[in-house]
PDB file of all heavy atoms in Angstrom:
ATOM      1  N   GLY A   1    -180.348 -57.348 -78.388  1.00  0.00           N
ATOM      2  CA  GLY A   1    -180.955 -56.122 -78.895  1.00  0.00           C
ATOM      3  C   GLY A   1    -181.422 -56.183 -80.335  1.00  0.00           C
ATOM      4  O   GLY A   1    -181.955 -55.192 -80.849  1.00  0.00           O
ATOM      5  N   MET A   2    -181.236 -57.317 -80.996  1.00  0.00           N
ATOM      6  CA  MET A   2    -181.728 -57.459 -82.372  1.00  0.00           C
ATOM      7  C   MET A   2    -183.252 -57.363 -82.390  1.00  0.00           C
ATOM      8  O   MET A   2    -183.924 -57.909 -81.513  1.00  0.00           O
ATOM      9  CB  MET A   2    -181.328 -58.821 -82.962  1.00  0.00           C
ATOM     10  CG  MET A   2    -180.048 -58.848 -83.734  1.00  0.00           C
ATOM     11  SD  MET A   2    -179.877 -60.452 -84.600  1.00  0.00           S
ATOM     12  CE  MET A   2    -178.338 -60.177 -85.451  1.00  0.00           C
ATOM     13  N   THR A   3    -183.779 -56.720 -83.407  1.00  0.00           N
ATOM     14  CA  THR A   3    -185.219 -56.748 -83.604  1.00  0.00           C
ATOM     15  C   THR A   3    -185.623 -58.134 -84.087  1.00  0.00           C
ATOM     16  O   THR A   3    -184.801 -58.911 -84.588  1.00  0.00           O
ATOM     17  CB  THR A   3    -185.647 -55.711 -84.648  1.00  0.00           C
ATOM     18  OG1 THR A   3    -185.076 -56.077 -85.923  1.00  0.00           O
ATOM     19  CG2 THR A   3    -185.192 -54.304 -84.257  1.00  0.00           C
ATOM     20  N   ASP A   4    -186.894 -58.452 -83.952  1.00  0.00           N
ATOM     21  CA  ASP A   4    -187.386 -59.735 -84.456  1.00  0.00           C
ATOM     22  C   ASP A   4    -187.110 -59.868 -85.950  1.00  0.00           C
ATOM     23  O   ASP A   4    -186.749 -60.954 -86.432  1.00  0.00           O
ATOM     24  CB  ASP A   4    -188.890 -59.863 -84.195  1.00  0.00           C
ATOM     25  CG  ASP A   4    -189.221 -60.056 -82.726  1.00  0.00           C
ATOM     26  OD1 ASP A   4    -188.287 -60.333 -81.935  1.00  0.00           O
ATOM     27  OD2 ASP A   4    -190.408 -59.932 -82.371  1.00  0.00           O
ATOM     28  N   GLU A   5    -187.250 -58.786 -86.669  1.00  0.00           N
ATOM     29  CA  GLU A   5    -187.022 -58.817 -88.114  1.00  0.00           C
ATOM     30  C   GLU A   5    -185.561 -59.123 -88.427  1.00  0.00           C
ATOM     31  O   GLU A   5    -185.253 -59.938 -89.305  1.00  0.00           O
ATOM     32  CB  GLU A   5    -187.416 -57.482 -88.739  1.00  0.00           C
ATOM     33  CG  GLU A   5    -187.258 -57.437 -90.253  1.00  0.00           C
ATOM     34  CD  GLU A   5    -187.676 -56.096 -90.836  1.00  0.00           C
ATOM     35  OE1 GLU A   5    -188.029 -55.186 -90.070  1.00  0.00           O
ATOM     36  OE2 GLU A   5    -187.650 -55.970 -92.083  1.00  0.00           O
ATOM     37  N   ALA A   6    -184.653 -58.469 -87.703  1.00  0.00           N
ATOM     38  CA  ALA A   6    -183.228 -58.707 -87.927  1.00  0.00           C
ATOM     39  C   ALA A   6    -182.856 -60.136 -87.542  1.00  0.00           C
ATOM     40  O   ALA A   6    -182.044 -60.791 -88.223  1.00  0.00           O
ATOM     41  CB  ALA A   6    -182.395 -57.705 -87.123  1.00  0.00           C
ATOM     42  N   TRP A   7    -183.425 -60.636 -86.437  1.00  0.00           N
ATOM     43  CA  TRP A   7    -183.166 -62.023 -86.003  1.00  0.00           C
ATOM     44  C   TRP A   7    -183.601 -63.003 -87.084  1.00  0.00           C
ATOM     45  O   TRP A   7    -182.869 -63.924 -87.437  1.00  0.00           O
ATOM     46  CB  TRP A   7    -183.899 -62.275 -84.694  1.00  0.00           C
ATOM     47  CG  TRP A   7    -183.593 -63.594 -84.031  1.00  0.00           C
ATOM     48  CD1 TRP A   7    -183.778 -64.841 -84.549  1.00  0.00           C
ATOM     49  CD2 TRP A   7    -183.023 -63.791 -82.732  1.00  0.00           C
ATOM     50  NE1 TRP A   7    -183.400 -65.799 -83.651  1.00  0.00           N
ATOM     51  CE2 TRP A   7    -182.918 -65.195 -82.530  1.00  0.00           C
ATOM     52  CE3 TRP A   7    -182.629 -62.940 -81.706  1.00  0.00           C
ATOM     53  CZ2 TRP A   7    -182.427 -65.736 -81.352  1.00  0.00           C
ATOM     54  CZ3 TRP A   7    -182.134 -63.488 -80.530  1.00  0.00           C
ATOM     55  CH2 TRP A   7    -182.032 -64.871 -80.358  1.00  0.00           C
ATOM     56  N   ARG A   8    -184.809 -62.794 -87.620  1.00  0.00           N
ATOM     57  CA  ARG A   8    -185.309 -63.700 -88.662  1.00  0.00           C
ATOM     58  C   ARG A   8    -184.439 -63.638 -89.914  1.00  0.00           C
ATOM     59  O   ARG A   8    -184.162 -64.665 -90.541  1.00  0.00           O
ATOM     60  CB  ARG A   8    -186.758 -63.364 -88.997  1.00  0.00           C
ATOM     61  CG  ARG A   8    -187.772 -63.879 -87.968  1.00  0.00           C
ATOM     62  CD  ARG A   8    -189.198 -63.795 -88.499  1.00  0.00           C
ATOM     63  NE  ARG A   8    -189.618 -62.418 -88.683  1.00  0.00           N
ATOM     64  CZ  ARG A   8    -190.239 -61.696 -87.763  1.00  0.00           C
ATOM     65  NH1 ARG A   8    -190.513 -62.214 -86.581  1.00  0.00           N
ATOM     66  NH2 ARG A   8    -190.613 -60.453 -88.017  1.00  0.00           N
ATOM     67  N   ALA A   9    -184.008 -62.423 -90.287  1.00  0.00           N
ATOM     68  CA  ALA A   9    -183.169 -62.277 -91.474  1.00  0.00           C
ATOM     69  C   ALA A   9    -181.832 -63.008 -91.293  1.00  0.00           C
ATOM     70  O   ALA A   9    -181.336 -63.663 -92.215  1.00  0.00           O
ATOM     71  CB  ALA A   9    -182.929 -60.799 -91.771  1.00  0.00           C
ATOM     72  N   GLN A  10    -181.261 -62.880 -90.099  1.00  0.00           N
ATOM     73  CA  GLN A  10    -180.016 -63.591 -89.820  1.00  0.00           C
ATOM     74  C   GLN A  10    -180.230 -65.099 -89.876  1.00  0.00           C
ATOM     75  O   GLN A  10    -179.420 -65.835 -90.436  1.00  0.00           O
ATOM     76  CB  GLN A  10    -179.479 -63.201 -88.445  1.00  0.00           C
ATOM     77  CG  GLN A  10    -178.145 -63.882 -88.120  1.00  0.00           C
ATOM     78  CD  GLN A  10    -177.832 -63.852 -86.634  1.00  0.00           C
ATOM     79  OE1 GLN A  10    -178.581 -64.389 -85.817  1.00  0.00           O
ATOM     80  NE2 GLN A  10    -176.721 -63.233 -86.280  1.00  0.00           N
ATOM     81  N   HIS A  11    -181.337 -65.546 -89.311  1.00  0.00           N
ATOM     82  CA  HIS A  11    -181.555 -66.988 -89.255  1.00  0.00           C
ATOM     83  C   HIS A  11    -181.770 -67.592 -90.630  1.00  0.00           C
ATOM     84  O   HIS A  11    -181.395 -68.741 -90.874  1.00  0.00           O
ATOM     85  CB  HIS A  11    -182.734 -67.339 -88.344  1.00  0.00           C
ATOM     86  CG  HIS A  11    -182.634 -68.729 -87.810  1.00  0.00           C
ATOM     87  ND1 HIS A  11    -183.237 -69.805 -88.434  1.00  0.00           N
ATOM     88  CD2 HIS A  11    -181.950 -69.239 -86.758  1.00  0.00           C
ATOM     89  CE1 HIS A  11    -182.955 -70.904 -87.764  1.00  0.00           C
ATOM     90  NE2 HIS A  11    -182.176 -70.594 -86.745  1.00  0.00           N
ATOM     91  N   VAL A  12    -182.335 -66.845 -91.547  1.00  0.00           N
ATOM     92  CA  VAL A  12    -182.465 -67.330 -92.920  1.00  0.00           C
ATOM     93  C   VAL A  12    -181.087 -67.646 -93.495  1.00  0.00           C
ATOM     94  O   VAL A  12    -180.900 -68.656 -94.193  1.00  0.00           O
ATOM     95  CB  VAL A  12    -183.217 -66.306 -93.794  1.00  0.00           C
ATOM     96  CG1 VAL A  12    -183.092 -66.668 -95.278  1.00  0.00           C
ATOM     97  CG2 VAL A  12    -184.691 -66.253 -93.399  1.00  0.00           C
ATOM     98  N   ILE A  13    -180.107 -66.794 -93.207  1.00  0.00           N
ATOM     99  CA  ILE A  13    -178.742 -67.054 -93.661  1.00  0.00           C
ATOM    100  C   ILE A  13    -178.220 -68.351 -93.052  1.00  0.00           C
ATOM    101  O   ILE A  13    -177.641 -69.199 -93.746  1.00  0.00           O
ATOM    102  CB  ILE A  13    -177.818 -65.876 -93.299  1.00  0.00           C
ATOM    103  CG1 ILE A  13    -178.251 -64.622 -94.041  1.00  0.00           C
ATOM    104  CG2 ILE A  13    -176.359 -66.206 -93.604  1.00  0.00           C
ATOM    105  CD1 ILE A  13    -177.572 -63.352 -93.549  1.00  0.00           C
ATOM    106  N   PHE A  14    -178.435 -68.531 -91.734  1.00  0.00           N
ATOM    107  CA  PHE A  14    -177.994 -69.760 -91.069  1.00  0.00           C
ATOM    108  C   PHE A  14    -178.687 -70.986 -91.665  1.00  0.00           C
ATOM    109  O   PHE A  14    -178.061 -72.031 -91.868  1.00  0.00           O
ATOM    110  CB  PHE A  14    -178.276 -69.689 -89.572  1.00  0.00           C
ATOM    111  CG  PHE A  14    -177.443 -68.679 -88.811  1.00  0.00           C
ATOM    112  CD1 PHE A  14    -177.772 -68.342 -87.517  1.00  0.00           C
ATOM    113  CD2 PHE A  14    -176.339 -68.074 -89.386  1.00  0.00           C
ATOM    114  CE1 PHE A  14    -177.012 -67.432 -86.797  1.00  0.00           C
ATOM    115  CE2 PHE A  14    -175.568 -67.149 -88.685  1.00  0.00           C
ATOM    116  CZ  PHE A  14    -175.913 -66.830 -87.383  1.00  0.00           C
ATOM    117  N   GLU A  15    -179.972 -70.875 -91.919  1.00  0.00           N
ATOM    118  CA  GLU A  15    -180.726 -71.989 -92.492  1.00  0.00           C
ATOM    119  C   GLU A  15    -180.170 -72.379 -93.857  1.00  0.00           C
ATOM    120  O   GLU A  15    -179.990 -73.572 -94.160  1.00  0.00           O
ATOM    121  CB  GLU A  15    -182.197 -71.605 -92.639  1.00  0.00           C
ATOM    122  CG  GLU A  15    -182.939 -71.400 -91.334  1.00  0.00           C
ATOM    123  CD  GLU A  15    -184.214 -70.594 -91.527  1.00  0.00           C
ATOM    124  OE1 GLU A  15    -184.661 -70.442 -92.685  1.00  0.00           O
ATOM    125  OE2 GLU A  15    -184.764 -70.104 -90.525  1.00  0.00           O
ATOM    126  N   GLN A  16    -179.914 -71.386 -94.692  1.00  0.00           N
ATOM    127  CA  GLN A  16    -179.408 -71.666 -96.031  1.00  0.00           C
ATOM    128  C   GLN A  16    -178.013 -72.273 -95.977  1.00  0.00           C
ATOM    129  O   GLN A  16    -177.695 -73.204 -96.730  1.00  0.00           O
ATOM    130  CB  GLN A  16    -179.412 -70.384 -96.862  1.00  0.00           C
ATOM    131  CG  GLN A  16    -180.801 -69.868 -97.175  1.00  0.00           C
ATOM    132  CD  GLN A  16    -180.787 -68.517 -97.886  1.00  0.00           C
ATOM    133  OE1 GLN A  16    -179.784 -67.801 -97.873  1.00  0.00           O
ATOM    134  NE2 GLN A  16    -181.898 -68.167 -98.506  1.00  0.00           N
ATOM    135  N   ALA A  17    -177.171 -71.751 -95.070  1.00  0.00           N
ATOM    136  CA  ALA A  17    -175.830 -72.305 -94.921  1.00  0.00           C
ATOM    137  C   ALA A  17    -175.898 -73.756 -94.449  1.00  0.00           C
ATOM    138  O   ALA A  17    -175.156 -74.621 -94.941  1.00  0.00           O
ATOM    139  CB  ALA A  17    -175.023 -71.464 -93.934  1.00  0.00           C
ATOM    140  N   ALA A  18    -176.789 -74.038 -93.501  1.00  0.00           N
ATOM    141  CA  ALA A  18    -176.937 -75.401 -92.993  1.00  0.00           C
ATOM    142  C   ALA A  18    -177.373 -76.350 -94.098  1.00  0.00           C
ATOM    143  O   ALA A  18    -176.866 -77.478 -94.200  1.00  0.00           O
ATOM    144  CB  ALA A  18    -177.950 -75.419 -91.846  1.00  0.00           C
ATOM    145  N   PHE A  19    -178.286 -75.902 -94.924  1.00  0.00           N
ATOM    146  CA  PHE A  19    -178.758 -76.778 -95.994  1.00  0.00           C
ATOM    147  C   PHE A  19    -177.660 -77.041 -97.020  1.00  0.00           C
ATOM    148  O   PHE A  19    -177.522 -78.158 -97.523  1.00  0.00           O
ATOM    149  CB  PHE A  19    -179.986 -76.175 -96.681  1.00  0.00           C
ATOM    150  CG  PHE A  19    -180.730 -77.163 -97.534  1.00  0.00           C
ATOM    151  CD1 PHE A  19    -181.586 -78.086 -96.967  1.00  0.00           C
ATOM    152  CD2 PHE A  19    -180.557 -77.191 -98.908  1.00  0.00           C
ATOM    153  CE1 PHE A  19    -182.265 -79.014 -97.745  1.00  0.00           C
ATOM    154  CE2 PHE A  19    -181.227 -78.111 -99.697  1.00  0.00           C
ATOM    155  CZ  PHE A  19    -182.083 -79.027 -99.112  1.00  0.00           C
ATOM    156  N   ARG A  20    -176.845 -76.016 -97.318  1.00  0.00           N
ATOM    157  CA  ARG A  20    -175.728 -76.225 -98.253  1.00  0.00           C
ATOM    158  C   ARG A  20    -174.726 -77.222 -97.673  1.00  0.00           C
ATOM    159  O   ARG A  20    -174.171 -78.048 -98.396  1.00  0.00           O
ATOM    160  CB  ARG A  20    -175.019 -74.907 -98.559  1.00  0.00           C
ATOM    161  CG  ARG A  20    -175.843 -73.856 -99.263  1.00  0.00           C
ATOM    162  CD  ARG A  20    -176.425 -74.316-100.586  1.00  0.00           C
ATOM    163  NE  ARG A  20    -176.971 -73.213-101.343  1.00  0.00           N
ATOM    164  CZ  ARG A  20    -178.109 -72.592-101.101  1.00  0.00           C
ATOM    165  NH1 ARG A  20    -178.857 -72.965-100.068  1.00  0.00           N
ATOM    166  NH2 ARG A  20    -178.548 -71.607-101.871  1.00  0.00           N
ATOM    167  N   LEU A  21    -174.478 -77.135 -96.375  1.00  0.00           N
ATOM    168  CA  LEU A  21    -173.583 -78.090 -95.730  1.00  0.00           C
ATOM    169  C   LEU A  21    -174.172 -79.488 -95.773  1.00  0.00           C
ATOM    170  O   LEU A  21    -173.491 -80.465 -96.145  1.00  0.00           O
ATOM    171  CB  LEU A  21    -173.333 -77.653 -94.283  1.00  0.00           C
ATOM    172  CG  LEU A  21    -172.621 -78.633 -93.348  1.00  0.00           C
ATOM    173  CD1 LEU A  21    -171.271 -79.066 -93.907  1.00  0.00           C
ATOM    174  CD2 LEU A  21    -172.456 -78.008 -91.966  1.00  0.00           C
ATOM    175  N   LEU A  22    -175.432 -79.621 -95.423  1.00  0.00           N
ATOM    176  CA  LEU A  22    -176.096 -80.923 -95.417  1.00  0.00           C
ATOM    177  C   LEU A  22    -176.071 -81.564 -96.792  1.00  0.00           C
ATOM    178  O   LEU A  22    -175.867 -82.779 -96.916  1.00  0.00           O
ATOM    179  CB  LEU A  22    -177.541 -80.764 -94.944  1.00  0.00           C
ATOM    180  CG  LEU A  22    -178.407 -82.021 -94.906  1.00  0.00           C
ATOM    181  CD1 LEU A  22    -177.888 -83.015 -93.883  1.00  0.00           C
ATOM    182  CD2 LEU A  22    -179.861 -81.655 -94.618  1.00  0.00           C
ATOM    183  N   ARG A  23    -176.270 -80.774 -97.824  1.00  0.00           N
ATOM    184  CA  ARG A  23    -176.369 -81.298 -99.190  1.00  0.00           C
ATOM    185  C   ARG A  23    -175.074 -81.155 -99.976  1.00  0.00           C
ATOM    186  O   ARG A  23    -175.082 -81.290-101.204  1.00  0.00           O
ATOM    187  CB  ARG A  23    -177.512 -80.590 -99.928  1.00  0.00           C
ATOM    188  CG  ARG A  23    -178.889 -80.897 -99.344  1.00  0.00           C
ATOM    189  CD  ARG A  23    -179.150 -82.379 -99.266  1.00  0.00           C
ATOM    190  NE  ARG A  23    -180.496 -82.700 -98.799  1.00  0.00           N
ATOM    191  CZ  ARG A  23    -180.799 -83.775 -98.089  1.00  0.00           C
ATOM    192  NH1 ARG A  23    -179.857 -84.629 -97.753  1.00  0.00           N
ATOM    193  NH2 ARG A  23    -182.047 -84.005 -97.715  1.00  0.00           N
ATOM    194  N   CYS A  24    -173.968 -80.895 -99.310  1.00  0.00           N
ATOM    195  CA  CYS A  24    -172.689 -80.870-100.010  1.00  0.00           C
ATOM    196  C   CYS A  24    -172.481 -82.221-100.695  1.00  0.00           C
ATOM    197  O   CYS A  24    -172.608 -83.271-100.054  1.00  0.00           O
ATOM    198  CB  CYS A  24    -171.560 -80.602 -99.017  1.00  0.00           C
ATOM    199  SG  CYS A  24    -169.944 -80.409 -99.802  1.00  0.00           S
ATOM    200  N   PRO A  25    -172.175 -82.242-101.991  1.00  0.00           N
ATOM    201  CA  PRO A  25    -172.126 -83.520-102.713  1.00  0.00           C
ATOM    202  C   PRO A  25    -170.908 -84.375-102.400  1.00  0.00           C
ATOM    203  O   PRO A  25    -170.874 -85.546-102.781  1.00  0.00           O
ATOM    204  CB  PRO A  25    -172.125 -83.089-104.186  1.00  0.00           C
ATOM    205  CG  PRO A  25    -171.547 -81.714-104.174  1.00  0.00           C
ATOM    206  CD  PRO A  25    -172.008 -81.097-102.892  1.00  0.00           C
ATOM    207  N   ILE A  26    -169.919 -83.802-101.727  1.00  0.00           N
ATOM    208  CA  ILE A  26    -168.728 -84.577-101.352  1.00  0.00           C
ATOM    209  C   ILE A  26    -168.705 -84.772 -99.836  1.00  0.00           C
ATOM    210  O   ILE A  26    -169.345 -84.019 -99.107  1.00  0.00           O
ATOM    211  CB  ILE A  26    -167.439 -83.891-101.837  1.00  0.00           C
ATOM    212  CG1 ILE A  26    -167.317 -82.481-101.254  1.00  0.00           C
ATOM    213  CG2 ILE A  26    -167.386 -83.870-103.361  1.00  0.00           C
ATOM    214  CD1 ILE A  26    -166.024 -81.776-101.608  1.00  0.00           C
ATOM    215  N   PRO A  27    -167.979 -85.777 -99.351  1.00  0.00           N
ATOM    216  CA  PRO A  27    -167.959 -86.037 -97.907  1.00  0.00           C
ATOM    217  C   PRO A  27    -167.397 -84.864 -97.106  1.00  0.00           C
ATOM    218  O   PRO A  27    -166.389 -84.258 -97.488  1.00  0.00           O
ATOM    219  CB  PRO A  27    -167.059 -87.267 -97.787  1.00  0.00           C
ATOM    220  CG  PRO A  27    -167.168 -87.950 -99.111  1.00  0.00           C
ATOM    221  CD  PRO A  27    -167.280 -86.841-100.112  1.00  0.00           C
ATOM    222  N   VAL A  28    -168.058 -84.576 -95.996  1.00  0.00           N
ATOM    223  CA  VAL A  28    -167.616 -83.536 -95.065  1.00  0.00           C
ATOM    224  C   VAL A  28    -167.371 -84.202 -93.715  1.00  0.00           C
ATOM    225  O   VAL A  28    -168.282 -84.811 -93.148  1.00  0.00           O
ATOM    226  CB  VAL A  28    -168.662 -82.417 -94.922  1.00  0.00           C
ATOM    227  CG1 VAL A  28    -168.163 -81.353 -93.942  1.00  0.00           C
ATOM    228  CG2 VAL A  28    -168.990 -81.788 -96.275  1.00  0.00           C
ATOM    229  N   ILE A  29    -166.151 -84.076 -93.208  1.00  0.00           N
ATOM    230  CA  ILE A  29    -165.778 -84.662 -91.929  1.00  0.00           C
ATOM    231  C   ILE A  29    -165.598 -83.529 -90.932  1.00  0.00           C
ATOM    232  O   ILE A  29    -164.760 -82.642 -91.135  1.00  0.00           O
ATOM    233  CB  ILE A  29    -164.475 -85.470 -92.040  1.00  0.00           C
ATOM    234  CG1 ILE A  29    -164.579 -86.510 -93.158  1.00  0.00           C
ATOM    235  CG2 ILE A  29    -164.148 -86.142 -90.701  1.00  0.00           C
ATOM    236  CD1 ILE A  29    -163.242 -87.148 -93.506  1.00  0.00           C
ATOM    237  N   ALA A  30    -166.371 -83.540 -89.856  1.00  0.00           N
ATOM    238  CA  ALA A  30    -166.216 -82.542 -88.809  1.00  0.00           C
ATOM    239  C   ALA A  30    -165.125 -82.999 -87.846  1.00  0.00           C
ATOM    240  O   ALA A  30    -165.160 -84.120 -87.339  1.00  0.00           O
ATOM    241  CB  ALA A  30    -167.526 -82.340 -88.061  1.00  0.00           C
ATOM    242  N   ALA A  31    -164.141 -82.125 -87.619  1.00  0.00           N
ATOM    243  CA  ALA A  31    -163.080 -82.391 -86.653  1.00  0.00           C
ATOM    244  C   ALA A  31    -163.324 -81.496 -85.451  1.00  0.00           C
ATOM    245  O   ALA A  31    -163.180 -80.275 -85.538  1.00  0.00           O
ATOM    246  CB  ALA A  31    -161.714 -82.106 -87.271  1.00  0.00           C
ATOM    247  N   VAL A  32    -163.718 -82.095 -84.338  1.00  0.00           N
ATOM    248  CA  VAL A  32    -164.204 -81.337 -83.182  1.00  0.00           C
ATOM    249  C   VAL A  32    -163.210 -81.400 -82.031  1.00  0.00           C
ATOM    250  O   VAL A  32    -162.882 -82.480 -81.540  1.00  0.00           O
ATOM    251  CB  VAL A  32    -165.575 -81.861 -82.722  1.00  0.00           C
ATOM    252  CG1 VAL A  32    -166.031 -81.135 -81.464  1.00  0.00           C
ATOM    253  CG2 VAL A  32    -166.610 -81.697 -83.832  1.00  0.00           C
ATOM    254  N   GLU A  33    -162.732 -80.237 -81.636  1.00  0.00           N
ATOM    255  CA  GLU A  33    -161.968 -80.064 -80.404  1.00  0.00           C
ATOM    256  C   GLU A  33    -162.749 -79.109 -79.511  1.00  0.00           C
ATOM    257  O   GLU A  33    -163.351 -78.151 -79.996  1.00  0.00           O
ATOM    258  CB  GLU A  33    -160.585 -79.470 -80.688  1.00  0.00           C
ATOM    259  CG  GLU A  33    -159.700 -80.299 -81.584  1.00  0.00           C
ATOM    260  CD  GLU A  33    -159.062 -81.502 -80.901  1.00  0.00           C
ATOM    261  OE1 GLU A  33    -159.296 -81.700 -79.694  1.00  0.00           O
ATOM    262  OE2 GLU A  33    -158.331 -82.233 -81.594  1.00  0.00           O
ATOM    263  N   GLY A  34    -162.744 -79.356 -78.216  1.00  0.00           N
ATOM    264  CA  GLY A  34    -163.453 -78.471 -77.304  1.00  0.00           C
ATOM    265  C   GLY A  34    -164.954 -78.597 -77.482  1.00  0.00           C
ATOM    266  O   GLY A  34    -165.478 -79.676 -77.761  1.00  0.00           O
ATOM    267  N   VAL A  35    -165.657 -77.485 -77.332  1.00  0.00           N
ATOM    268  CA  VAL A  35    -167.112 -77.533 -77.303  1.00  0.00           C
ATOM    269  C   VAL A  35    -167.721 -77.446 -78.694  1.00  0.00           C
ATOM    270  O   VAL A  35    -167.237 -76.721 -79.559  1.00  0.00           O
ATOM    271  CB  VAL A  35    -167.696 -76.431 -76.398  1.00  0.00           C
ATOM    272  CG1 VAL A  35    -167.240 -76.600 -74.969  1.00  0.00           C
ATOM    273  CG2 VAL A  35    -167.349 -75.039 -76.917  1.00  0.00           C
ATOM    274  N   ALA A  36    -168.776 -78.202 -78.886  1.00  0.00           N
ATOM    275  CA  ALA A  36    -169.655 -78.097 -80.055  1.00  0.00           C
ATOM    276  C   ALA A  36    -171.061 -78.010 -79.470  1.00  0.00           C
ATOM    277  O   ALA A  36    -171.686 -79.028 -79.156  1.00  0.00           O
ATOM    278  CB  ALA A  36    -169.515 -79.301 -80.974  1.00  0.00           C
ATOM    279  N   LEU A  37    -171.532 -76.796 -79.290  1.00  0.00           N
ATOM    280  CA  LEU A  37    -172.775 -76.564 -78.561  1.00  0.00           C
ATOM    281  C   LEU A  37    -173.790 -75.833 -79.424  1.00  0.00           C
ATOM    282  O   LEU A  37    -173.429 -75.000 -80.263  1.00  0.00           O
ATOM    283  CB  LEU A  37    -172.504 -75.742 -77.297  1.00  0.00           C
ATOM    284  CG  LEU A  37    -171.548 -76.359 -76.279  1.00  0.00           C
ATOM    285  CD1 LEU A  37    -171.300 -75.383 -75.135  1.00  0.00           C
ATOM    286  CD2 LEU A  37    -172.099 -77.678 -75.749  1.00  0.00           C
ATOM    287  N   GLY A  38    -175.068 -76.155 -79.207  1.00  0.00           N
ATOM    288  CA  GLY A  38    -176.130 -75.470 -79.933  1.00  0.00           C
ATOM    289  C   GLY A  38    -175.927 -75.598 -81.428  1.00  0.00           C
ATOM    290  O   GLY A  38    -175.781 -76.703 -81.971  1.00  0.00           O
ATOM    291  N   GLY A  39    -175.930 -74.448 -82.098  1.00  0.00           N
ATOM    292  CA  GLY A  39    -175.711 -74.461 -83.539  1.00  0.00           C
ATOM    293  C   GLY A  39    -174.387 -75.080 -83.925  1.00  0.00           C
ATOM    294  O   GLY A  39    -174.243 -75.619 -85.031  1.00  0.00           O
TER     295      GLY A  39
END
């Protein structure tokens, strides 16, 4: 039920968070149990 505008606004937050994770200056180790799907 999100409007297109609300969806885009939310995704900007996800995009920025992803870039901060990608460019974290120290090593980041993902510890995965169970599913890691999509995002």
